[in-house]
């Protein structure tokens, strides 16, 4: 009996030394527990995104209808005004004017204030929802990429330990050794999440006249930048650059920002930036001085031209062509 205990203790020690730990009835790699947490986190953020997107879509549709009614009412008012200019009291035309006035009154009773769809993303309630959606969208992007990397690393470890794990299980059939998830399970989970939230429909909100979108730097650091349609540069604040680990920067030089301001900034190279499925590698970056932190960061839309970026008619999203998986800025 002591021999059996000794053998069991020896196997447990071997498993522990190879990075395994007990999880339920299985021995799995420690990294798999982190992978499991990330899978659950991704599922949770997807569950929160879907109803929020639905709420936003309903608000956009409702506003569009109200806006159309307003425009129709305005058109009707213009028609009445034109008729009145040509009409005289007591003529047959007066009856037509009265009829249109009655129509206007009916339209007014059904009318609530609408907002120009191009400006709807700037409304406080919409901006709050879009800011939340942007944050969750970034979280989903980070988790999806991390799961893919973690899964690949776990599979590589199992591949290297294949003969060893088979030996353990042959000698000790009572011991169950992972993996906790098959590679295709992870792949299916990530693909389902990306499809459910439409990862390439990037949320966008307005801050004043600025179109603001979320990006992920180095697949770890979410940040929000201002979209500049006619520019082709990535401009970060000093705090963004520090957070992402950009250190080897050039000496300060004069640059003109998209807003027209002339200032001094340094330049460097960012290894990776992601927006939806658009993955840019080796991106030239301009880093603002600490005194310009209040300006925020900018991204030129031309940087994303390989993905055919398109602003939605609703004014609250930027769509990318997910079929193009190019990952360089040179294209």
Protein backbone atom coordinates (compact mmCIF):
# COMPACT_ATOMS: atom_id res chain seq x y z
CA UNK A 1 0.00 0.00 0.00
CA UNK A 2 2.85 2.35 0.80
CA UNK A 3 4.31 1.58 -2.63
CA UNK A 4 1.03 2.67 -4.29
CA UNK A 5 1.04 5.88 -2.32
CA UNK A 6 4.68 6.45 -3.28
CA UNK A 7 3.95 5.90 -6.98
CA UNK A 8 0.94 8.24 -6.78
CA UNK A 9 3.00 10.92 -5.03
CA UNK A 10 5.76 10.52 -7.63
CA UNK A 11 3.30 10.94 -10.51
CA UNK A 12 1.72 13.96 -8.84
CA UNK A 13 5.17 15.51 -8.46
CA UNK A 14 5.96 14.83 -12.14
CA UNK A 15 2.70 16.40 -13.26
CA UNK A 16 3.27 19.44 -11.06
CA UNK A 17 6.83 19.84 -12.33
CA UNK A 18 5.55 19.82 -15.91
CA UNK A 19 3.12 22.66 -15.17
CA UNK A 20 -0.05 20.65 -14.49
CA UNK A 21 -2.51 21.11 -11.68
CA UNK A 22 -5.65 19.27 -10.62
CA UNK A 23 -8.90 20.65 -11.99
CA UNK A 24 -11.91 18.54 -11.12
CA UNK A 25 -11.18 15.02 -12.27
CA UNK A 26 -8.44 16.11 -14.69
CA UNK A 27 -4.87 17.26 -14.56
CA UNK A 28 -4.51 20.28 -16.84
CA UNK A 29 -1.88 22.88 -17.60
CA UNK A 30 -2.02 25.96 -15.40
CA UNK A 31 -2.32 28.08 -18.57
CA UNK A 32 -5.57 26.30 -19.41
CA UNK A 33 -7.26 27.77 -16.36
CA UNK A 34 -6.41 31.26 -17.62
CA UNK A 35 -7.72 30.22 -21.03
CA UNK A 36 -10.97 29.05 -19.40
CA UNK A 37 -11.37 32.39 -17.59
CA UNK A 38 -10.83 34.29 -20.85
CA UNK A 39 -13.39 32.12 -22.65
CA UNK A 40 -15.96 32.87 -19.97
CA UNK A 41 -15.05 36.57 -20.04
CA UNK A 42 -15.51 36.67 -23.83
CA UNK A 43 -18.90 34.96 -23.57
CA UNK A 44 -19.93 37.46 -20.90
CA UNK A 45 -18.92 40.54 -22.90
CA UNK A 46 -20.72 39.19 -25.98
CA UNK A 47 -23.88 38.71 -23.90
CA UNK A 48 -23.64 42.35 -22.79
CA UNK A 49 -22.87 43.71 -26.25
CA UNK A 50 -25.83 42.12 -28.05
CA UNK A 51 -28.65 43.82 -26.03
CA UNK A 52 -26.75 47.13 -26.00
CA UNK A 53 -26.41 47.04 -29.79
CA UNK A 54 -30.12 46.25 -30.07
CA UNK A 55 -30.94 49.20 -27.82
CA UNK A 56 -28.74 51.49 -29.91
CA UNK A 57 -30.26 50.24 -33.18
CA UNK A 58 -33.78 50.86 -31.87
CA UNK A 59 -32.83 54.38 -30.79
CA UNK A 60 -31.32 55.09 -34.21
CA UNK A 61 -34.42 53.78 -36.02
CA UNK A 62 -36.76 55.78 -33.77
CA UNK A 63 -34.76 58.96 -34.27
CA UNK A 64 -34.67 58.45 -38.05
CA UNK A 65 -38.48 58.21 -38.14
CA UNK A 66 -38.87 61.32 -35.98
CA UNK A 67 -36.36 63.16 -38.14
CA UNK A 68 -38.27 62.21 -41.30
CA UNK A 69 -41.50 63.50 -39.75
CA UNK A 70 -39.80 66.76 -38.88
CA UNK A 71 -38.51 67.15 -42.40
CA UNK A 72 -41.96 66.35 -43.82
CA UNK A 73 -43.53 68.92 -41.50
CA UNK A 74 -40.97 71.51 -42.52
CA UNK A 75 -41.66 70.80 -46.17
CA UNK A 76 -45.38 71.18 -45.56
CA UNK A 77 -44.83 74.50 -43.84
CA UNK A 78 -42.81 75.69 -46.81
CA UNK A 79 -45.58 74.67 -49.18
CA UNK A 80 -48.15 76.56 -47.12
CA UNK A 81 -45.95 79.63 -46.99
CA UNK A 82 -45.52 79.60 -50.76
CA UNK A 83 -49.25 79.24 -51.32
CA UNK A 84 -50.05 82.02 -48.91
CA UNK A 85 -47.74 84.33 -50.78
CA UNK A 86 -49.71 83.74 -53.93
CA UNK A 87 -53.11 83.60 -52.30
CA UNK A 88 -55.59 86.12 -51.28
CA UNK A 89 -58.15 85.76 -48.56
CA UNK A 90 -61.57 84.79 -49.84
CA UNK A 91 -60.39 82.85 -52.89
CA UNK A 92 -60.72 79.11 -53.54
CA UNK A 93 -57.00 78.82 -52.72
CA UNK A 94 -57.83 79.62 -49.11
CA UNK A 95 -59.56 76.23 -48.74
CA UNK A 96 -56.40 74.47 -49.95
CA UNK A 97 -54.36 76.43 -47.44
CA UNK A 98 -56.75 75.46 -44.64
CA UNK A 99 -56.56 71.77 -45.61
CA UNK A 100 -52.77 71.81 -45.54
CA UNK A 101 -52.83 73.65 -42.23
CA UNK A 102 -55.02 70.89 -40.82
CA UNK A 103 -52.53 68.29 -42.11
CA UNK A 104 -49.73 70.21 -40.45
CA UNK A 105 -51.58 70.23 -37.14
CA UNK A 106 -52.09 66.47 -37.33
CA UNK A 107 -48.42 65.91 -38.17
CA UNK A 108 -47.42 68.17 -35.29
CA UNK A 109 -49.49 66.14 -32.83
CA UNK A 110 -47.60 63.00 -33.82
CA UNK A 111 -44.25 64.73 -33.89
CA UNK A 112 -41.46 64.45 -31.31
CA UNK A 113 -38.09 66.11 -31.64
CA UNK A 114 -35.71 64.31 -33.97
CA UNK A 115 -32.00 64.89 -34.51
CA UNK A 116 -30.08 64.96 -37.76
CA UNK A 117 -28.75 61.36 -38.01
CA UNK A 118 -25.28 62.76 -38.72
CA UNK A 119 -25.33 64.38 -35.26
CA UNK A 120 -27.21 61.66 -33.36
CA UNK A 121 -23.98 60.11 -32.05
CA UNK A 122 -23.27 63.37 -30.19
CA UNK A 123 -26.48 63.26 -28.12
CA UNK A 124 -25.59 62.65 -24.44
CA UNK A 125 -27.61 59.42 -24.05
CA UNK A 126 -26.37 58.02 -27.37
CA UNK A 127 -22.78 58.98 -26.70
CA UNK A 128 -22.92 57.26 -23.30
CA UNK A 129 -24.20 54.05 -24.90
CA UNK A 130 -21.68 54.23 -27.73
CA UNK A 131 -18.80 54.83 -25.32
CA UNK A 132 -19.85 51.72 -23.37
CA UNK A 133 -20.16 49.74 -26.60
CA UNK A 134 -16.71 50.93 -27.70
CA UNK A 135 -15.16 49.72 -24.44
CA UNK A 136 -16.86 46.32 -24.65
CA UNK A 137 -15.96 46.03 -28.34
CA UNK A 138 -12.30 46.57 -27.44
CA UNK A 139 -12.51 44.05 -24.60
CA UNK A 140 -13.91 41.45 -27.02
CA UNK A 141 -11.11 42.13 -29.52
CA UNK A 142 -8.43 41.75 -26.82
CA UNK A 143 -9.96 38.54 -25.46
CA UNK A 144 -10.44 36.97 -28.90
CA UNK A 145 -6.80 37.50 -29.84
CA UNK A 146 -5.58 36.39 -26.42
CA UNK A 147 -7.61 33.17 -26.60
CA UNK A 148 -6.11 32.31 -29.97
CA UNK A 149 -2.59 32.86 -28.65
CA UNK A 150 -3.22 30.98 -25.41
CA UNK A 151 -4.74 28.05 -27.29
CA UNK A 152 -1.75 27.84 -29.63
CA UNK A 153 0.68 27.92 -26.69
CA UNK A 154 -1.22 25.22 -24.80
CA UNK A 155 -1.37 22.98 -27.86
CA UNK A 156 2.36 23.41 -28.38
CA UNK A 157 3.07 22.29 -24.80
CA UNK A 158 0.83 19.23 -25.19
CA UNK A 159 2.51 18.42 -28.49
CA UNK A 160 5.94 18.49 -26.84
CA UNK A 161 4.67 16.36 -23.93
CA UNK A 162 2.72 13.94 -26.10
CA UNK A 163 4.87 10.86 -25.45
CA UNK A 164 5.22 11.75 -21.76
CA UNK A 165 1.48 12.19 -21.16
CA UNK A 166 0.70 9.00 -23.06
CA UNK A 167 3.23 7.19 -20.85
CA UNK A 168 1.62 8.53 -17.68
CA UNK A 169 -1.83 7.47 -18.77
CA UNK A 170 -0.65 4.03 -19.92
CA UNK A 171 0.93 3.36 -16.53
CA UNK A 172 -1.85 5.04 -14.55
CA UNK A 173 -5.22 4.62 -16.31
CA UNK A 174 -6.92 6.13 -13.28
CA UNK A 175 -5.22 9.48 -14.04
CA UNK A 176 -6.91 11.77 -16.56
CA UNK A 177 -4.61 14.32 -18.21
CA UNK A 178 -6.00 17.22 -20.31
CA UNK A 179 -6.39 19.09 -22.52
CA UNK A 180 -9.34 20.92 -21.02
CA UNK A 181 -10.46 22.19 -24.44
CA UNK A 182 -9.82 20.99 -27.97
CA UNK A 183 -8.28 23.52 -30.36
CA UNK A 184 -11.40 23.46 -32.53
CA UNK A 185 -13.54 24.34 -29.49
CA UNK A 186 -11.53 27.51 -28.92
CA UNK A 187 -11.60 28.37 -32.61
CA UNK A 188 -15.36 27.88 -32.79
CA UNK A 189 -15.92 29.96 -29.64
CA UNK A 190 -13.86 32.86 -30.99
CA UNK A 191 -15.46 32.76 -34.44
CA UNK A 192 -18.94 32.67 -32.91
CA UNK A 193 -18.14 35.65 -30.68
CA UNK A 194 -16.74 37.70 -33.57
CA UNK A 195 -19.78 36.95 -35.71
CA UNK A 196 -22.26 37.64 -32.88
CA UNK A 197 -20.95 41.14 -32.22
CA UNK A 198 -19.88 41.91 -35.82
CA UNK A 199 -16.33 42.80 -34.81
CA UNK A 200 -15.75 44.74 -38.04
CA UNK A 201 -18.63 47.15 -37.39
CA UNK A 202 -16.63 49.60 -35.27
CA UNK A 203 -18.71 51.76 -32.88
CA UNK A 204 -18.23 55.49 -33.39
CA UNK A 205 -19.48 58.48 -31.42
CA UNK A 206 -19.11 62.22 -31.74
CA UNK A 207 -17.25 64.44 -29.33
CA UNK A 208 -18.03 67.90 -30.59
CA UNK A 209 -17.24 67.57 -34.29
CA UNK A 210 -14.73 64.76 -33.77
CA UNK A 211 -15.52 61.19 -34.81
CA UNK A 212 -14.15 58.93 -32.05
CA UNK A 213 -13.36 55.21 -32.42
CA UNK A 214 -11.69 52.55 -30.29
CA UNK A 215 -8.48 50.77 -31.28
CA UNK A 216 -6.24 48.26 -29.50
CA UNK A 217 -2.49 48.90 -29.38
CA UNK A 218 -0.17 45.88 -29.29
CA UNK A 219 -3.22 43.62 -28.76
CA UNK A 220 -3.34 44.66 -25.09
CA UNK A 221 -3.99 48.37 -24.68
CA UNK A 222 -7.42 49.77 -25.65
CA UNK A 223 -7.55 53.47 -26.45
CA UNK A 224 -9.83 55.92 -28.26
CA UNK A 225 -8.68 58.00 -31.23
CA UNK A 226 -10.17 60.69 -33.46
CA UNK A 227 -10.81 59.58 -37.05
CA UNK A 228 -9.34 61.92 -39.68
CA UNK A 229 -10.79 60.93 -43.10
CA UNK A 230 -8.16 62.69 -45.25
CA UNK A 231 -5.09 61.80 -43.17
CA UNK A 232 -2.76 58.79 -43.30
CA UNK A 233 -0.99 59.08 -39.96
CA UNK A 234 -1.25 57.53 -36.50
CA UNK A 235 -0.78 60.17 -33.83
CA UNK A 236 -0.60 59.18 -30.15
CA UNK A 237 -0.34 61.16 -26.96
CA UNK A 238 2.77 60.75 -24.81
CA UNK A 239 0.73 58.80 -22.25
CA UNK A 240 -0.52 56.35 -24.91
CA UNK A 241 3.04 55.86 -26.18
CA UNK A 242 4.37 55.28 -22.67
CA UNK A 243 1.61 52.77 -21.85
CA UNK A 244 2.31 50.73 -24.97
CA UNK A 245 6.05 50.74 -24.34
CA UNK A 246 7.30 53.10 -27.08
CA UNK A 247 10.67 54.32 -25.88
CA UNK A 248 13.08 54.81 -28.80
CA UNK A 249 11.68 58.00 -30.25
CA UNK A 250 13.29 60.59 -32.47
CA UNK A 251 14.17 64.12 -31.42
CA UNK A 252 11.26 66.62 -31.48
CA UNK A 253 10.36 68.04 -34.90
CA UNK A 254 7.66 70.42 -36.10
CA UNK A 255 4.47 68.73 -37.36
CA UNK A 256 1.06 69.99 -38.43
CA UNK A 257 -1.80 68.09 -36.82
CA UNK A 258 -5.08 67.26 -38.60
CA UNK A 259 -6.77 70.09 -36.67
CA UNK A 260 -4.33 72.52 -38.30
CA UNK A 261 -2.28 73.14 -35.17
CA UNK A 262 1.47 73.31 -35.66
CA UNK A 263 3.43 71.79 -32.79
CA UNK A 264 6.45 69.66 -31.98
CA UNK A 265 6.33 65.87 -31.77
CA UNK A 266 8.57 62.82 -31.85
CA UNK A 267 8.32 59.85 -34.21
CA UNK A 268 8.71 56.12 -33.68
CA UNK A 269 7.49 52.70 -34.78
CA UNK A 270 4.54 50.85 -33.24
CA UNK A 271 4.79 47.09 -33.73
CA UNK A 272 1.05 46.47 -33.96
CA UNK A 273 -2.37 48.13 -33.89
CA UNK A 274 -5.79 46.52 -34.32
CA UNK A 275 -9.24 47.82 -35.21
CA UNK A 276 -11.78 45.05 -35.55
CA UNK A 277 -10.06 42.46 -37.76
CA UNK A 278 -7.81 45.08 -39.30
CA UNK A 279 -4.36 44.32 -37.96
CA UNK A 280 -1.62 46.82 -38.80
CA UNK A 281 2.01 45.84 -38.21
CA UNK A 282 5.03 48.15 -38.04
CA UNK A 283 3.09 51.41 -38.06
CA UNK A 284 4.95 54.71 -38.18
CA UNK A 285 3.68 56.81 -35.31
CA UNK A 286 3.89 60.44 -34.25
CA UNK A 287 4.00 61.00 -30.49
CA UNK A 288 2.84 64.32 -29.09
CA UNK A 289 4.69 66.11 -26.34
CA UNK A 290 3.23 65.90 -22.79
CA UNK A 291 2.05 69.52 -23.09
CA UNK A 292 -0.29 68.44 -25.93
CA UNK A 293 -1.88 65.56 -24.00
CA UNK A 294 -5.24 67.35 -24.06
CA UNK A 295 -5.44 67.03 -27.86
CA UNK A 296 -5.85 63.25 -27.72
CA UNK A 297 -4.75 60.84 -30.44
CA UNK A 298 -5.65 60.69 -34.13
CA UNK A 299 -5.84 57.99 -36.79
CA UNK A 300 -5.92 58.76 -40.49
CA UNK A 301 -8.62 56.82 -42.31
CA UNK A 302 -6.22 56.23 -45.21
CA UNK A 303 -4.23 53.91 -42.94
CA UNK A 304 -7.18 51.53 -43.16
CA UNK A 305 -7.73 51.78 -46.92
CA UNK A 306 -6.95 48.07 -47.44
CA UNK A 307 -10.17 47.28 -45.55
CA UNK A 308 -12.38 49.69 -47.55
CA UNK A 309 -13.57 51.69 -44.50
CA UNK A 310 -17.11 53.05 -44.82
CA UNK A 311 -19.06 55.34 -42.49
CA UNK A 312 -22.55 54.01 -41.75
CA UNK A 313 -25.52 56.17 -42.73
CA UNK A 314 -26.54 56.17 -39.08
CA UNK A 315 -23.32 58.03 -38.27
CA UNK A 316 -22.53 55.75 -35.33
CA UNK A 317 -20.19 53.17 -36.83
CA UNK A 318 -17.31 52.57 -39.22
CA UNK A 319 -17.48 49.35 -41.25
CA UNK A 320 -14.43 47.41 -42.45
CA UNK A 321 -14.17 44.71 -45.10
CA UNK A 322 -13.34 41.64 -43.00
CA UNK A 323 -12.51 39.51 -46.06
CA UNK A 324 -9.23 41.37 -46.44
CA UNK A 325 -6.82 40.14 -43.78
CA UNK A 326 -3.87 42.31 -44.91
CA UNK A 327 -1.75 43.29 -41.92
CA UNK A 328 0.63 45.93 -43.24
CA UNK A 329 0.22 49.65 -43.74
CA UNK A 330 2.04 49.63 -47.07
CA UNK A 331 -0.88 48.21 -49.06
